[in-house]
Amino acid sequence: MKVKYEDHDKISIMTVEGDLISDHVDSFRRTVGERIQRGTRDFVLQVEAMTFIDSAGLESLLWLQEAAAEHLGQIRLVAPDENIRKILEITRLQHQFDTHKEVTEAIRSLR
């Protein structure tokens, strides 16, 4: 898994590539934690290049949602592919996360 980010004031746009699985959760949480410590409140996760997510990865997204909420922030998922959408449906988490087709749309929804 690869995570790239761009910080814009209180919003972090993070691109997640590859698998968000138990082997990569610590790295993901560390990156998010650093953003929160620097004052990031809202997270836009570009997941179009995410190929798979396991239960630990889903738990990390839920953790991020809670961490953002503690700072009065929110998260948005951008462009999940069909595989990720099915995983969210199977786990009944599809309504837990707001999803958008484009980053600009996701950012607008945060304001």
Protein backbone atom coordinates (compact mmCIF):
# COMPACT_ATOMS: atom_id res chain seq x y z
CA MET A 1 0.00 0.00 0.00
CA LYS A 2 1.13 3.50 -0.83
CA VAL A 3 -0.30 6.65 0.74
CA LYS A 4 0.32 10.11 -0.68
CA TYR A 5 -1.14 13.25 0.82
CA GLU A 6 -1.60 16.94 0.21
CA ASP A 7 -2.55 19.16 3.13
CA HIS A 8 -4.69 22.21 2.48
CA ASP A 9 -5.42 24.16 5.64
CA LYS A 10 -7.64 21.82 7.69
CA ILE A 11 -8.24 19.32 4.85
CA SER A 12 -5.92 16.47 3.90
CA ILE A 13 -6.37 14.83 0.51
CA MET A 14 -4.93 11.34 0.78
CA THR A 15 -4.45 8.95 -2.12
CA VAL A 16 -4.46 5.30 -1.11
CA GLU A 17 -3.01 2.86 -3.66
CA GLY A 18 -2.95 -0.91 -3.36
CA ASP A 19 -4.38 -2.97 -0.52
CA LEU A 20 -5.42 -1.47 2.81
CA ILE A 21 -4.90 -4.63 4.84
CA SER A 22 -3.66 -5.56 8.31
CA ASP A 23 -0.01 -5.44 7.19
CA HIS A 24 -0.37 -1.75 6.30
CA VAL A 25 -2.75 -0.48 8.99
CA ASP A 26 -0.01 0.81 11.32
CA SER A 27 1.54 2.88 8.55
CA PHE A 28 -1.86 4.26 7.54
CA ARG A 29 -2.74 5.21 11.13
CA ARG A 30 0.66 6.81 11.67
CA THR A 31 0.23 8.97 8.56
CA VAL A 32 -3.27 9.99 9.62
CA GLY A 33 -2.13 10.68 13.18
CA GLU A 34 0.59 13.02 11.90
CA ARG A 35 -2.00 14.92 9.86
CA ILE A 36 -4.29 15.27 12.89
CA GLN A 37 -1.44 16.51 15.08
CA ARG A 38 -0.73 19.21 12.49
CA GLY A 39 -4.31 20.44 12.68
CA THR A 40 -6.03 18.51 9.91
CA ARG A 41 -9.70 18.08 10.62
CA ASP A 42 -11.21 16.73 7.39
CA PHE A 43 -9.95 13.88 5.21
CA VAL A 44 -10.68 13.20 1.56
CA LEU A 45 -9.49 9.70 0.67
CA GLN A 46 -8.96 9.01 -3.02
CA VAL A 47 -9.45 5.26 -3.17
CA GLU A 48 -9.80 4.67 -6.90
CA ALA A 49 -6.42 2.87 -6.88
CA MET A 50 -7.24 0.87 -3.74
CA THR A 51 -7.51 -2.74 -4.88
CA PHE A 52 -8.64 -4.46 -1.68
CA ILE A 53 -9.55 -3.73 1.91
CA ASP A 54 -9.76 -6.31 4.70
CA SER A 55 -11.41 -6.09 8.13
CA ALA A 56 -8.37 -4.34 9.63
CA GLY A 57 -8.48 -1.78 6.83
CA LEU A 58 -12.20 -1.21 7.38
CA GLU A 59 -11.54 -0.82 11.08
CA SER A 60 -8.89 1.81 10.23
CA LEU A 61 -11.42 3.77 8.18
CA LEU A 62 -13.86 3.67 11.08
CA TRP A 63 -11.07 4.74 13.42
CA LEU A 64 -10.24 7.64 11.11
CA GLN A 65 -13.89 8.65 11.04
CA GLU A 66 -13.99 8.72 14.85
CA ALA A 67 -10.66 10.57 15.10
CA ALA A 68 -11.84 13.20 12.62
CA ALA A 69 -15.17 13.57 14.46
CA GLU A 70 -13.31 14.20 17.73
CA HIS A 71 -11.83 17.27 16.01
CA LEU A 72 -15.21 18.22 14.47
CA GLY A 73 -14.09 16.84 11.11
CA GLN A 74 -15.35 14.35 8.58
CA ILE A 75 -14.04 11.94 5.97
CA ARG A 76 -15.06 11.41 2.37
CA LEU A 77 -14.21 8.54 0.04
CA VAL A 78 -13.58 9.39 -3.60
CA ALA A 79 -14.12 6.98 -6.49
CA PRO A 80 -14.23 3.57 -4.79
CA ASP A 81 -14.22 0.87 -7.45
CA GLU A 82 -16.84 -1.86 -7.69
CA ASN A 83 -14.81 -4.27 -5.54
CA ILE A 84 -14.49 -1.77 -2.67
CA ARG A 85 -18.19 -0.85 -2.98
CA LYS A 86 -19.15 -4.53 -2.71
CA ILE A 87 -16.98 -4.98 0.37
CA LEU A 88 -18.66 -1.97 1.98
CA GLU A 89 -22.08 -3.42 1.11
CA ILE A 90 -21.26 -6.91 2.39
CA THR A 91 -20.07 -5.45 5.69
CA ARG A 92 -23.06 -3.10 5.79
CA LEU A 93 -20.81 -0.05 5.92
CA GLN A 94 -21.91 1.50 2.61
CA HIS A 95 -23.98 4.15 4.43
CA GLN A 96 -21.27 4.81 7.02
CA PHE A 97 -19.08 6.68 4.52
CA ASP A 98 -20.00 9.49 2.15
CA THR A 99 -18.65 8.69 -1.29
CA HIS A 100 -18.09 11.03 -4.22
CA LYS A 101 -16.98 10.71 -7.83
CA GLU A 102 -14.44 13.55 -7.73
CA VAL A 103 -12.17 15.22 -5.19
CA THR A 104 -13.63 18.68 -5.84
CA GLU A 105 -17.11 17.38 -5.15
CA ALA A 106 -15.93 15.78 -1.89
CA ILE A 107 -14.21 18.97 -0.76
CA ARG A 108 -17.31 21.04 -1.53
CA SER A 109 -19.38 18.69 0.62
CA LEU A 110 -17.16 19.44 3.62
CA ARG A 111 -17.88 23.17 3.61
